[in-house]
Amino acid sequence: MQRILRYQSMSEREEKTAYQQKMAARLKEWNAEIDKLQAKAEEAGTDAEIKYRDQLSELRTKRDALREKLNHLQGQSGDAWDEVKAGVESAWGELKQSIERARDRMR
């Protein structure tokens, strides 16, 4: 029975590690997207850069909140893991929507 429990624990650890790695990779992608939007605003000129400054600031704030939640996810287990993961998912959704809106506005 202990072998089975250890196997399940190992599988759970591997699943959590894979999730964290996946989210970290996605965060890198969003960082690159934010950088592209910043460059696009700068290319459009001073007026556009000023217009989009608040939007870009909001994106960075949401990105930083997501990064904070991902960092907090490490070391959590059981119910705490589920709660923090739910917070990560929520922050992820907010960031994704904000980036999509910013992309649409900057076209």
Protein backbone atom coordinates (compact mmCIF):
# COMPACT_ATOMS: atom_id res chain seq x y z
CA MET A 1 0.00 0.00 0.00
CA GLN A 2 2.83 2.43 0.78
CA ARG A 3 4.31 1.86 -2.66
CA ILE A 4 1.02 2.85 -4.25
CA LEU A 5 0.80 5.99 -2.12
CA ARG A 6 4.37 6.95 -3.00
CA TYR A 7 3.62 6.39 -6.67
CA GLN A 8 0.53 8.58 -6.47
CA SER A 9 2.44 11.27 -4.60
CA MET A 10 5.20 11.18 -7.19
CA SER A 11 2.63 11.41 -9.97
CA GLU A 12 0.96 14.34 -8.22
CA ARG A 13 4.32 16.08 -7.83
CA GLU A 14 5.11 15.52 -11.48
CA GLU A 15 1.71 16.88 -12.46
CA LYS A 16 2.22 20.00 -10.36
CA THR A 17 5.71 20.53 -11.75
CA ALA A 18 4.43 20.12 -15.31
CA TYR A 19 1.65 22.64 -14.63
CA GLN A 20 4.09 25.17 -13.19
CA GLN A 21 6.44 24.74 -16.14
CA LYS A 22 3.58 25.13 -18.61
CA MET A 23 2.38 28.31 -16.92
CA ALA A 24 5.92 29.72 -16.74
CA ALA A 25 6.34 29.10 -20.48
CA ARG A 26 3.03 30.81 -21.20
CA LEU A 27 4.07 33.74 -19.03
CA LYS A 28 7.20 34.12 -21.17
CA GLU A 29 4.99 34.18 -24.26
CA TRP A 30 2.83 36.92 -22.76
CA ASN A 31 5.94 38.89 -21.80
CA ALA A 32 7.01 38.76 -25.44
CA GLU A 33 3.53 39.84 -26.53
CA ILE A 34 3.59 42.80 -24.13
CA ASP A 35 6.99 43.78 -25.54
CA LYS A 36 5.58 43.61 -29.10
CA LEU A 37 2.65 45.82 -28.11
CA GLN A 38 5.06 48.30 -26.52
CA ALA A 39 7.14 48.40 -29.71
CA LYS A 40 4.02 48.84 -31.82
CA ALA A 41 2.91 51.78 -29.67
CA GLU A 42 6.36 53.37 -29.94
CA GLU A 43 6.40 52.92 -33.73
CA ALA A 44 3.02 54.59 -34.02
CA GLY A 45 4.43 57.77 -32.53
CA THR A 46 4.26 59.80 -29.37
CA ASP A 47 0.48 60.28 -29.40
CA ALA A 48 -0.15 56.54 -29.69
CA GLU A 49 2.43 55.75 -27.05
CA ILE A 50 0.75 58.15 -24.63
CA LYS A 51 -2.66 56.73 -25.54
CA TYR A 52 -1.55 53.15 -24.84
CA ARG A 53 0.68 53.84 -21.84
CA ASP A 54 -2.06 53.11 -19.29
CA GLN A 55 -3.09 49.99 -21.12
CA LEU A 56 0.48 48.68 -21.21
CA SER A 57 0.91 49.53 -17.55
CA GLU A 58 -2.23 47.54 -16.75
CA LEU A 59 -0.86 44.57 -18.71
CA ARG A 60 2.39 44.66 -16.78
CA THR A 61 0.54 44.89 -13.47
CA LYS A 62 -1.58 41.85 -14.33
CA ARG A 63 1.50 40.00 -15.56
CA ASP A 64 3.28 40.73 -12.28
CA ALA A 65 0.24 39.54 -10.29
CA LEU A 66 0.24 36.30 -12.27
CA ARG A 67 3.96 35.84 -11.67
CA GLU A 68 3.41 36.40 -7.94
CA LYS A 69 0.66 33.76 -7.86
CA LEU A 70 2.87 31.31 -9.75
CA ASN A 71 5.65 31.86 -7.23
CA HIS A 72 3.19 31.31 -4.38
CA LEU A 73 2.06 28.06 -6.00
CA GLN A 74 5.41 26.45 -5.27
CA GLY A 75 5.43 24.53 -2.05
CA GLN A 76 1.64 24.36 -1.78
CA SER A 77 -0.18 21.06 -1.46
CA GLY A 78 -3.67 19.68 -1.04
CA ASP A 79 -6.44 22.24 -0.71
CA ALA A 80 -3.97 25.13 -0.62
CA TRP A 81 -2.63 24.03 -4.03
CA ASP A 82 -6.16 23.96 -5.44
CA GLU A 83 -6.96 27.42 -4.08
CA VAL A 84 -3.76 28.99 -5.34
CA LYS A 85 -4.11 27.22 -8.69
CA ALA A 86 -7.63 28.67 -9.02
CA GLY A 87 -6.12 32.11 -8.38
CA VAL A 88 -3.50 31.46 -11.05
CA GLU A 89 -6.19 30.43 -13.53
CA SER A 90 -8.21 33.56 -12.76
CA ALA A 91 -5.18 35.84 -13.12
CA TRP A 92 -4.27 34.04 -16.33
CA GLY A 93 -7.71 34.66 -17.80
CA GLU A 94 -7.61 38.34 -16.88
CA LEU A 95 -4.19 38.81 -18.44
CA LYS A 96 -5.19 36.95 -21.59
CA GLN A 97 -8.32 39.08 -22.06
CA SER A 98 -6.40 42.29 -21.42
CA ILE A 99 -3.74 41.42 -23.96
CA GLU A 100 -6.34 40.48 -26.55
CA ARG A 101 -8.16 43.79 -25.99
CA ALA A 102 -4.90 45.72 -26.25
CA ARG A 103 -4.03 43.91 -29.48
CA ASP A 104 -7.42 44.76 -30.95
CA ARG A 105 -7.12 48.44 -30.01
CA MET A 106 -3.63 48.76 -31.46
CA ARG A 107 -4.52 47.42 -34.89
